[in-house]
Amino acid sequence: MATHKVIATLTDPNSGKGVNVSAVMFSPDGSRLADADDVGIYIWNVVSHKNAADLQDQNGDYTDVAFSPDGNIIAAGNGDGSIELYNANTKDLLNTLTDPNGANVTSVAFSHGGNVLAAADWTDDSQGGGPGNFYLWNIIDHKLITKFTDPDGGGVDGVAFSPLGNIVAAADVNKGTTYLWNPATRKLIGALNDPNGDSVRSVAFSPNGHVLAAGDGDGSTYLWNVATGQLVATLSNPNSNGITAVSFNAPGSILATADFNGSICLWNVTKYVS
């Protein structure tokens, strides 16, 4: 496959201090990029590449971050089993949800309408991920809607809604499979297997829903055609020992990939998502 070039690299403020970048997420208008690490959430100006704001951790270490579709709320998954909801403009803490099993919350994602939040977990991070689930929450009343369990009994380390809301992708950390679910029927409708057989750490749909990006523990990000299940591109982070997060910008032209080294790479992926 063709060689792909990084168009920009951002450095987490805590890079070099033994802190991992665990998540990246573009704001809906594409002007901001949020990155989460063990200490806080940092919001970047995508044009200037400057750090514009930060949120300090309330309960533990951040594992994932997501903007609501209107850009007004930031959901932050936490290693202590909590999900914090922030006002993205004022940085005020709005509410805190708790994983029903008290497990590590590994990933969070809003539905296209913004009224539902998916939150994934696994039981024991230190042992490679125990039985994992993902839950759907009502953001209006903060009540639990339903629960999905990983078919392989492994930890779920990434979750994402398709733009139409008819698919939820959930990444398995043990067997390297990304499962595709119908959230309405709760039925499994597909599975994508990591070419390296490595753990899948993060997943994201392109804005048009045609492509799913899946980053793995080997440092590769795979772009899948959602309709056919075919692999269309492989992106390899320079000097990476594992991908922790992936996120498309609003037009779908740029994909951000974060790694365990504290780097965030921006890729031009226009030709794959049109």
Protein backbone atom coordinates (compact mmCIF):
# COMPACT_ATOMS: atom_id res chain seq x y z
CA MET A 1 0.00 0.00 0.00
CA ALA A 2 1.01 3.64 -0.49
CA THR A 3 3.12 5.48 2.08
CA HIS A 4 1.16 8.01 4.12
CA LYS A 5 2.67 11.17 5.55
CA VAL A 6 1.92 12.87 8.85
CA ILE A 7 0.80 16.47 8.23
CA ALA A 8 1.32 17.70 11.81
CA THR A 9 2.36 16.44 15.24
CA LEU A 10 1.16 17.82 18.59
CA THR A 11 2.94 17.09 21.85
CA ASP A 12 0.93 16.48 25.01
CA PRO A 13 2.03 18.87 27.83
CA ASN A 14 2.98 15.85 29.95
CA SER A 15 4.88 13.99 27.23
CA GLY A 16 8.17 12.65 28.58
CA LYS A 17 6.81 12.40 32.12
CA GLY A 18 5.62 8.80 31.83
CA VAL A 19 2.13 9.94 30.84
CA ASN A 20 0.27 8.39 27.90
CA VAL A 21 -2.08 10.15 25.52
CA SER A 22 -5.13 7.95 25.96
CA ALA A 23 -7.64 9.73 23.70
CA VAL A 24 -8.11 12.32 20.97
CA MET A 25 -11.35 13.82 19.68
CA PHE A 26 -12.14 16.58 17.19
CA SER A 27 -14.92 19.03 18.05
CA PRO A 28 -17.87 18.84 15.62
CA ASP A 29 -16.83 22.03 13.82
CA GLY A 30 -13.26 20.77 13.50
CA SER A 31 -11.73 23.84 15.14
CA ARG A 32 -10.65 22.09 18.34
CA LEU A 33 -8.96 18.82 19.20
CA ALA A 34 -9.22 17.42 22.73
CA ASP A 35 -6.54 15.06 24.00
CA ALA A 36 -6.78 13.17 27.28
CA ASP A 37 -3.91 11.79 29.35
CA ASP A 38 -3.40 10.42 32.87
CA VAL A 39 -3.57 13.94 34.32
CA GLY A 40 -6.05 16.02 32.35
CA ILE A 41 -7.77 16.96 29.12
CA TYR A 42 -6.11 19.47 26.79
CA ILE A 43 -7.99 21.32 24.07
CA TRP A 44 -5.97 22.38 21.03
CA ASN A 45 -6.59 24.95 18.31
CA VAL A 46 -6.36 22.86 15.15
CA VAL A 47 -5.16 25.76 12.96
CA SER A 48 -2.49 27.22 15.26
CA HIS A 49 -1.69 23.89 16.98
CA LYS A 50 -1.65 25.76 20.31
CA ASN A 51 -3.10 24.52 23.60
CA ALA A 52 -6.25 26.60 24.14
CA ALA A 53 -7.64 25.18 27.42
CA ASP A 54 -7.39 22.28 29.84
CA LEU A 55 -9.52 20.34 32.32
CA GLN A 56 -7.98 18.79 35.42
CA ASP A 57 -8.94 15.28 36.44
CA GLN A 58 -11.57 14.93 39.17
CA ASN A 59 -11.37 11.27 40.15
CA GLY A 60 -8.46 9.39 38.61
CA ASP A 61 -6.91 9.03 35.15
CA TYR A 62 -8.71 9.86 31.92
CA THR A 63 -9.09 7.05 29.41
CA ASP A 64 -11.24 8.64 26.69
CA VAL A 65 -12.93 11.88 25.71
CA ALA A 66 -15.84 12.76 23.40
CA PHE A 67 -17.56 15.95 22.26
CA SER A 68 -21.34 16.00 21.98
CA PRO A 69 -22.58 16.69 18.41
CA ASP A 70 -23.33 20.33 19.25
CA GLY A 71 -19.86 20.75 20.77
CA ASN A 72 -21.23 21.93 24.12
CA ILE A 73 -20.53 18.85 26.27
CA ILE A 74 -17.36 16.83 26.79
CA ALA A 75 -17.74 13.30 28.17
CA ALA A 76 -14.62 11.88 29.83
CA GLY A 77 -14.19 8.21 30.68
CA ASN A 78 -12.14 7.45 33.76
CA GLY A 79 -10.05 4.57 35.08
CA ASP A 80 -11.93 4.63 38.36
CA GLY A 81 -15.23 3.66 36.69
CA SER A 82 -16.72 7.14 36.36
CA ILE A 83 -17.84 9.17 33.36
CA GLU A 84 -17.58 12.92 33.82
CA LEU A 85 -19.73 15.32 31.80
CA TYR A 86 -18.28 18.82 31.33
CA ASN A 87 -19.54 22.03 29.79
CA ALA A 88 -17.05 22.34 26.92
CA ASN A 89 -17.26 26.14 26.94
CA THR A 90 -17.12 26.97 30.66
CA LYS A 91 -15.22 23.79 31.73
CA ASP A 92 -17.76 23.26 34.57
CA LEU A 93 -18.45 19.68 35.72
CA LEU A 94 -22.13 18.98 34.92
CA ASN A 95 -22.64 15.42 36.16
CA THR A 96 -20.92 12.11 36.84
CA LEU A 97 -22.14 8.67 35.73
CA THR A 98 -20.86 5.42 37.24
CA ASP A 99 -20.07 2.16 35.43
CA PRO A 100 -22.57 -0.47 36.73
CA ASN A 101 -19.73 -2.94 37.41
CA GLY A 102 -17.38 -0.35 38.84
CA ALA A 103 -14.97 -1.34 36.06
CA ASN A 104 -12.47 0.82 34.17
CA VAL A 105 -14.33 3.00 31.68
CA THR A 106 -12.22 2.70 28.54
CA SER A 107 -14.19 4.55 25.86
CA VAL A 108 -17.09 6.99 25.45
CA ALA A 109 -19.02 8.09 22.35
CA PHE A 110 -22.12 10.19 21.69
CA SER A 111 -24.85 9.17 19.27
CA HIS A 112 -25.39 11.47 16.26
CA GLY A 113 -28.40 13.06 17.97
CA GLY A 114 -26.45 13.58 21.18
CA ASN A 115 -29.09 12.10 23.49
CA VAL A 116 -27.33 8.76 23.97
CA LEU A 117 -23.83 8.09 25.28
CA ALA A 118 -22.07 4.75 24.80
CA ALA A 119 -19.49 3.84 27.46
CA ALA A 120 -17.25 0.75 27.27
CA ASP A 121 -15.42 -1.02 30.07
CA TRP A 122 -13.18 -3.90 31.03
CA THR A 123 -12.77 -5.57 34.39
CA ASP A 124 -9.02 -5.70 34.92
CA ASP A 125 -6.65 -3.58 32.84
CA SER A 126 -3.55 -4.96 34.57
CA GLN A 127 -4.28 -8.46 33.26
CA GLY A 128 -4.99 -7.51 29.67
CA GLY A 129 -8.70 -6.93 29.94
CA GLY A 130 -11.26 -9.14 31.62
CA PRO A 131 -14.94 -9.53 30.74
CA GLY A 132 -15.99 -6.32 29.02
CA ASN A 133 -19.24 -4.57 28.24
CA PHE A 134 -20.52 -1.37 26.79
CA TYR A 135 -23.52 0.53 28.04
CA LEU A 136 -25.91 3.04 26.48
CA TRP A 137 -26.88 5.99 28.68
CA ASN A 138 -29.66 8.55 28.26
CA ILE A 139 -27.91 11.93 28.45
CA ILE A 140 -31.13 13.79 29.22
CA ASP A 141 -32.05 11.96 32.44
CA HIS A 142 -28.66 10.19 32.94
CA LYS A 143 -30.33 6.77 33.20
CA LEU A 144 -28.94 3.47 31.89
CA ILE A 145 -30.72 2.23 28.73
CA THR A 146 -29.13 -1.13 27.93
CA LYS A 147 -26.00 -3.30 28.12
CA PHE A 148 -23.95 -5.19 25.49
CA THR A 149 -21.37 -7.87 26.34
CA ASP A 150 -18.22 -8.65 24.33
CA PRO A 151 -18.68 -12.01 22.51
CA ASP A 152 -15.13 -13.12 23.33
CA GLY A 153 -15.39 -12.26 26.99
CA GLY A 154 -12.59 -9.74 26.59
CA GLY A 155 -12.32 -6.12 27.58
CA VAL A 156 -13.91 -3.50 25.30
CA ASP A 157 -11.38 -0.74 24.67
CA GLY A 158 -13.12 1.36 22.01
CA VAL A 159 -16.69 2.23 21.05
CA ALA A 160 -18.18 4.44 18.33
CA PHE A 161 -21.58 5.24 16.80
CA SER A 162 -22.01 5.41 13.03
CA PRO A 163 -23.34 8.80 11.83
CA LEU A 164 -26.84 7.37 11.25
CA GLY A 165 -26.82 5.69 14.67
CA ASN A 166 -27.66 2.29 13.17
CA ILE A 167 -24.29 0.73 14.04
CA VAL A 168 -22.18 0.73 17.18
CA ALA A 169 -18.60 -0.48 16.74
CA ALA A 170 -16.97 -2.06 19.81
CA ALA A 171 -13.27 -3.00 19.86
CA ASP A 172 -12.08 -6.13 21.65
CA VAL A 173 -8.76 -5.75 23.46
CA ASN A 174 -7.95 -9.46 23.72
CA LYS A 175 -8.61 -11.00 20.30
CA GLY A 176 -8.30 -7.89 18.14
CA THR A 177 -11.80 -8.00 16.69
CA THR A 178 -14.03 -4.99 16.14
CA TYR A 179 -17.65 -6.03 16.48
CA LEU A 180 -20.48 -4.16 14.75
CA TRP A 181 -23.81 -4.06 16.58
CA ASN A 182 -27.30 -2.84 15.76
CA PRO A 183 -28.16 -0.75 18.85
CA ALA A 184 -31.93 -1.01 18.26
CA THR A 185 -32.14 -4.81 17.94
CA ARG A 186 -29.00 -5.48 20.05
CA LYS A 187 -27.91 -7.99 17.37
CA LEU A 188 -24.36 -8.55 16.14
CA ILE A 189 -24.17 -7.63 12.44
CA GLY A 190 -20.46 -7.88 11.60
CA ALA A 191 -16.88 -8.38 12.73
CA LEU A 192 -13.55 -6.93 11.53
CA ASN A 193 -10.35 -8.77 12.47
CA ASP A 194 -7.12 -6.86 13.10
CA PRO A 195 -4.57 -7.98 10.44
CA ASN A 196 -1.88 -8.26 13.13
CA GLY A 197 -4.15 -10.13 15.52
CA ASP A 198 -3.34 -7.35 17.98
CA SER A 199 -5.60 -5.66 20.50
CA VAL A 200 -7.81 -2.94 19.01
CA ARG A 201 -7.58 0.15 21.19
CA SER A 202 -9.81 2.72 19.51
CA VAL A 203 -12.38 3.00 16.72
CA ALA A 204 -14.01 5.90 14.85
CA PHE A 205 -16.42 6.22 11.92
CA SER A 206 -15.79 8.74 9.17
CA PRO A 207 -18.47 11.49 9.09
CA ASN A 208 -20.15 9.91 6.05
CA GLY A 209 -20.13 6.49 7.73
CA HIS A 210 -18.32 4.79 4.85
CA VAL A 211 -15.07 4.09 6.67
CA LEU A 212 -14.18 2.80 10.13
CA ALA A 213 -10.74 3.55 11.57
CA ALA A 214 -9.36 1.04 14.08
CA GLY A 215 -6.07 1.64 15.92
CA ASP A 216 -4.19 -1.30 17.42
CA GLY A 217 -1.55 -2.03 20.03
CA ASP A 218 1.12 -2.58 17.38
CA GLY A 219 1.07 1.07 16.25
CA SER A 220 -1.07 0.61 13.13
CA THR A 221 -4.40 2.17 12.23
CA TYR A 222 -6.56 0.32 9.72
CA LEU A 223 -9.23 1.92 7.56
CA TRP A 224 -12.13 -0.43 6.79
CA ASN A 225 -14.91 -0.11 4.24
CA VAL A 226 -17.96 -0.51 6.47
CA ALA A 227 -20.27 -1.79 3.71
CA THR A 228 -17.93 -4.48 2.37
CA GLY A 229 -15.72 -5.19 5.39
CA GLN A 230 -12.64 -4.72 3.19
CA LEU A 231 -9.38 -3.14 4.39
CA VAL A 232 -8.67 0.02 2.33
CA ALA A 233 -5.56 1.52 3.99
CA THR A 234 -2.98 1.00 6.73
CA LEU A 235 -1.42 3.94 8.60
CA SER A 236 1.68 3.37 10.73
CA ASN A 237 2.50 5.93 13.40
CA PRO A 238 6.21 6.86 13.30
CA ASN A 239 8.12 5.34 16.24
CA SER A 240 4.87 4.22 17.85
CA ASN A 241 4.52 1.29 20.23
CA GLY A 242 0.74 1.35 20.17
CA ILE A 243 -2.25 3.43 19.08
CA THR A 244 -4.43 4.69 21.92
CA ALA A 245 -7.01 6.81 20.08
CA VAL A 246 -8.32 7.75 16.63
CA SER A 247 -10.65 10.57 15.54
CA PHE A 248 -11.85 12.07 12.22
CA ASN A 249 -12.37 15.80 11.75
CA ALA A 250 -15.82 17.02 10.63
CA PRO A 251 -15.19 16.88 6.85
CA GLY A 252 -13.51 13.47 7.21
CA SER A 253 -10.38 14.70 5.46
CA ILE A 254 -8.09 14.40 8.48
CA LEU A 255 -7.63 11.52 10.90
CA ALA A 256 -5.91 12.10 14.24
CA THR A 257 -4.10 9.14 15.81
CA ALA A 258 -2.58 9.21 19.31
CA ASP A 259 0.01 6.80 20.64
CA PHE A 260 1.65 5.58 23.84
CA ASN A 261 4.66 7.84 23.19
CA GLY A 262 2.58 10.98 23.74
CA SER A 263 2.41 11.97 20.07
CA ILE A 264 -0.67 12.88 18.05
CA CYS A 265 -0.35 12.45 14.28
CA LEU A 266 -2.67 14.10 11.76
CA TRP A 267 -3.20 12.21 8.48
CA ASN A 268 -4.76 13.29 5.20
CA VAL A 269 -7.27 10.52 4.43
CA THR A 270 -9.50 12.37 1.93
CA LYS A 271 -9.26 9.77 -0.83
CA TYR A 272 -10.48 6.97 1.41
CA VAL A 273 -13.61 8.56 2.85
CA SER A 274 -15.12 10.31 -0.21
